[in-house]
Amino acid sequence: MQLHRRNLLHSIGLGSLKSHRVQRVLVQWDEQKMGLTTDEFERKLLEGEPRIAALRHQPQGMTFVFFLGEPGDEKLVARRLKEIFAAARRG
């Protein structure tokens, strides 16, 4: 599993120009080695608790974008990723 972290500046005009830091995390894995397809992974994210929506990355993987969320949301996502990948490894 490779994780790539990208920080982007996002500008919003609300009377004055404000900058907000937006975190993007791209998650890719070898589907055959993990025994987990991107479709299955996305379904598990949507069916789990908390329900997590992510963007499909082509040709394979998911991109998570963190903005306008609550502090600690990234920890919830990290926990779910760990749970899903651990279950896939156990088969």
C-alpha atoms as a PDB file:
ATOM      1  CA  MET A   1       0.000   0.000   0.000  1.00  0.00           C
ATOM      2  CA  GLN A   2       1.400   3.382  -0.980  1.00  0.00           C
ATOM      3  CA  LEU A   3       0.177   6.632   0.505  1.00  0.00           C
ATOM      4  CA  HIS A   4       0.835   9.936  -1.206  1.00  0.00           C
ATOM      5  CA  ARG A   5      -0.042  13.156   0.597  1.00  0.00           C
ATOM      6  CA  ARG A   6      -0.830  16.345  -1.289  1.00  0.00           C
ATOM      7  CA  ASN A   7      -1.525  19.736   0.254  1.00  0.00           C
ATOM      8  CA  LEU A   8      -3.422  22.265  -1.844  1.00  0.00           C
ATOM      9  CA  LEU A   9      -4.441  25.839  -1.206  1.00  0.00           C
ATOM     10  CA  HIS A  10      -8.114  26.502  -1.727  1.00  0.00           C
ATOM     11  CA  SER A  11      -9.328  30.073  -1.900  1.00  0.00           C
ATOM     12  CA  ILE A  12     -12.813  31.144  -0.861  1.00  0.00           C
ATOM     13  CA  GLY A  13     -14.097  34.670  -1.351  1.00  0.00           C
ATOM     14  CA  LEU A  14     -16.297  35.663   1.595  1.00  0.00           C
ATOM     15  CA  GLY A  15     -15.883  39.403   1.696  1.00  0.00           C
ATOM     16  CA  SER A  16     -12.150  38.865   1.917  1.00  0.00           C
ATOM     17  CA  LEU A  17      -9.924  36.211   0.384  1.00  0.00           C
ATOM     18  CA  LYS A  18      -9.212  33.387   2.822  1.00  0.00           C
ATOM     19  CA  SER A  19      -6.937  30.384   2.372  1.00  0.00           C
ATOM     20  CA  HIS A  20      -7.871  26.957   3.612  1.00  0.00           C
ATOM     21  CA  ARG A  21      -5.644  23.927   3.663  1.00  0.00           C
ATOM     22  CA  VAL A  22      -7.182  20.948   1.900  1.00  0.00           C
ATOM     23  CA  GLN A  23      -5.717  17.498   2.485  1.00  0.00           C
ATOM     24  CA  ARG A  24      -5.855  14.870  -0.247  1.00  0.00           C
ATOM     25  CA  VAL A  25      -4.798  11.304   0.383  1.00  0.00           C
ATOM     26  CA  LEU A  26      -4.482   8.860  -2.512  1.00  0.00           C
ATOM     27  CA  VAL A  27      -4.718   5.206  -1.482  1.00  0.00           C
ATOM     28  CA  GLN A  28      -3.694   2.508  -3.959  1.00  0.00           C
ATOM     29  CA  TRP A  29      -3.019  -1.185  -3.449  1.00  0.00           C
ATOM     30  CA  ASP A  30      -2.414  -4.364  -5.398  1.00  0.00           C
ATOM     31  CA  GLU A  31      -5.937  -5.770  -5.716  1.00  0.00           C
ATOM     32  CA  GLN A  32      -4.777  -9.335  -6.356  1.00  0.00           C
ATOM     33  CA  LYS A  33      -2.329  -9.429  -3.432  1.00  0.00           C
ATOM     34  CA  MET A  34      -4.844  -7.827  -1.054  1.00  0.00           C
ATOM     35  CA  GLY A  35      -7.824  -9.792  -2.354  1.00  0.00           C
ATOM     36  CA  LEU A  36      -9.807  -6.556  -2.397  1.00  0.00           C
ATOM     37  CA  THR A  37     -11.038  -4.685  -5.464  1.00  0.00           C
ATOM     38  CA  THR A  38     -11.673  -0.948  -5.580  1.00  0.00           C
ATOM     39  CA  ASP A  39     -15.409  -1.673  -5.959  1.00  0.00           C
ATOM     40  CA  GLU A  40     -15.431  -3.845  -2.820  1.00  0.00           C
ATOM     41  CA  PHE A  41     -13.382  -1.273  -0.919  1.00  0.00           C
ATOM     42  CA  GLU A  42     -15.771   1.541  -1.861  1.00  0.00           C
ATOM     43  CA  ARG A  43     -18.786  -0.554  -0.845  1.00  0.00           C
ATOM     44  CA  LYS A  44     -17.231  -1.329   2.554  1.00  0.00           C
ATOM     45  CA  LEU A  45     -16.545   2.371   3.130  1.00  0.00           C
ATOM     46  CA  LEU A  46     -20.129   3.310   2.322  1.00  0.00           C
ATOM     47  CA  GLU A  47     -21.661   0.493   4.394  1.00  0.00           C
ATOM     48  CA  GLY A  48     -19.425   0.977   7.443  1.00  0.00           C
ATOM     49  CA  GLU A  49     -19.657   3.159  10.512  1.00  0.00           C
ATOM     50  CA  PRO A  50     -18.982   5.944  10.017  1.00  0.00           C
ATOM     51  CA  ARG A  51     -20.153   5.994   6.386  1.00  0.00           C
ATOM     52  CA  ILE A  52     -17.292   7.343   4.267  1.00  0.00           C
ATOM     53  CA  ALA A  53     -17.503   8.647   0.710  1.00  0.00           C
ATOM     54  CA  ALA A  54     -14.359   8.966  -1.388  1.00  0.00           C
ATOM     55  CA  LEU A  55     -13.450   9.756  -4.982  1.00  0.00           C
ATOM     56  CA  ARG A  56     -12.513   6.965  -7.376  1.00  0.00           C
ATOM     57  CA  HIS A  57      -8.963   7.266  -8.677  1.00  0.00           C
ATOM     58  CA  GLN A  58      -8.332   5.929 -12.169  1.00  0.00           C
ATOM     59  CA  PRO A  59      -7.208   3.360 -13.036  1.00  0.00           C
ATOM     60  CA  GLN A  60      -7.340   2.035  -9.441  1.00  0.00           C
ATOM     61  CA  GLY A  61      -7.614   3.364  -5.917  1.00  0.00           C
ATOM     62  CA  MET A  62      -9.470   5.983  -3.907  1.00  0.00           C
ATOM     63  CA  THR A  63      -8.776   9.626  -3.147  1.00  0.00           C
ATOM     64  CA  PHE A  64      -9.887  11.063   0.178  1.00  0.00           C
ATOM     65  CA  VAL A  65     -10.364  14.836   0.415  1.00  0.00           C
ATOM     66  CA  PHE A  66     -10.582  16.440   3.856  1.00  0.00           C
ATOM     67  CA  PHE A  67     -12.187  19.875   3.982  1.00  0.00           C
ATOM     68  CA  LEU A  68     -15.033  21.495   5.874  1.00  0.00           C
ATOM     69  CA  GLY A  69     -15.010  18.549   8.245  1.00  0.00           C
ATOM     70  CA  GLU A  70     -14.550  18.176  11.943  1.00  0.00           C
ATOM     71  CA  PRO A  71     -11.137  17.911  13.593  1.00  0.00           C
ATOM     72  CA  GLY A  72     -10.268  14.236  13.869  1.00  0.00           C
ATOM     73  CA  ASP A  73     -12.191  13.123  10.752  1.00  0.00           C
ATOM     74  CA  GLU A  74      -8.922  11.938   9.229  1.00  0.00           C
ATOM     75  CA  LYS A  75      -8.429   9.608  12.223  1.00  0.00           C
ATOM     76  CA  LEU A  76     -11.840   8.016  11.641  1.00  0.00           C
ATOM     77  CA  VAL A  77     -10.953   7.408   7.998  1.00  0.00           C
ATOM     78  CA  ALA A  78      -7.544   5.971   8.932  1.00  0.00           C
ATOM     79  CA  ARG A  79      -9.192   3.595  11.408  1.00  0.00           C
ATOM     80  CA  ARG A  80     -11.694   2.368   8.778  1.00  0.00           C
ATOM     81  CA  LEU A  81      -8.922   1.867   6.199  1.00  0.00           C
ATOM     82  CA  LYS A  82      -6.959  -0.211   8.694  1.00  0.00           C
ATOM     83  CA  GLU A  83     -10.045  -2.308   9.521  1.00  0.00           C
ATOM     84  CA  ILE A  84     -10.917  -2.938   5.861  1.00  0.00           C
ATOM     85  CA  PHE A  85      -7.386  -3.837   4.793  1.00  0.00           C
ATOM     86  CA  ALA A  86      -6.819  -6.051   7.858  1.00  0.00           C
ATOM     87  CA  ALA A  87     -10.044  -7.963   7.141  1.00  0.00           C
ATOM     88  CA  ALA A  88      -9.039  -8.388   3.470  1.00  0.00           C
ATOM     89  CA  ARG A  89      -5.648  -9.828   4.483  1.00  0.00           C
ATOM     90  CA  ARG A  90      -7.301 -12.319   6.823  1.00  0.00           C
ATOM     91  CA  GLY A  91      -9.469 -13.349   3.851  1.00  0.00           C
END
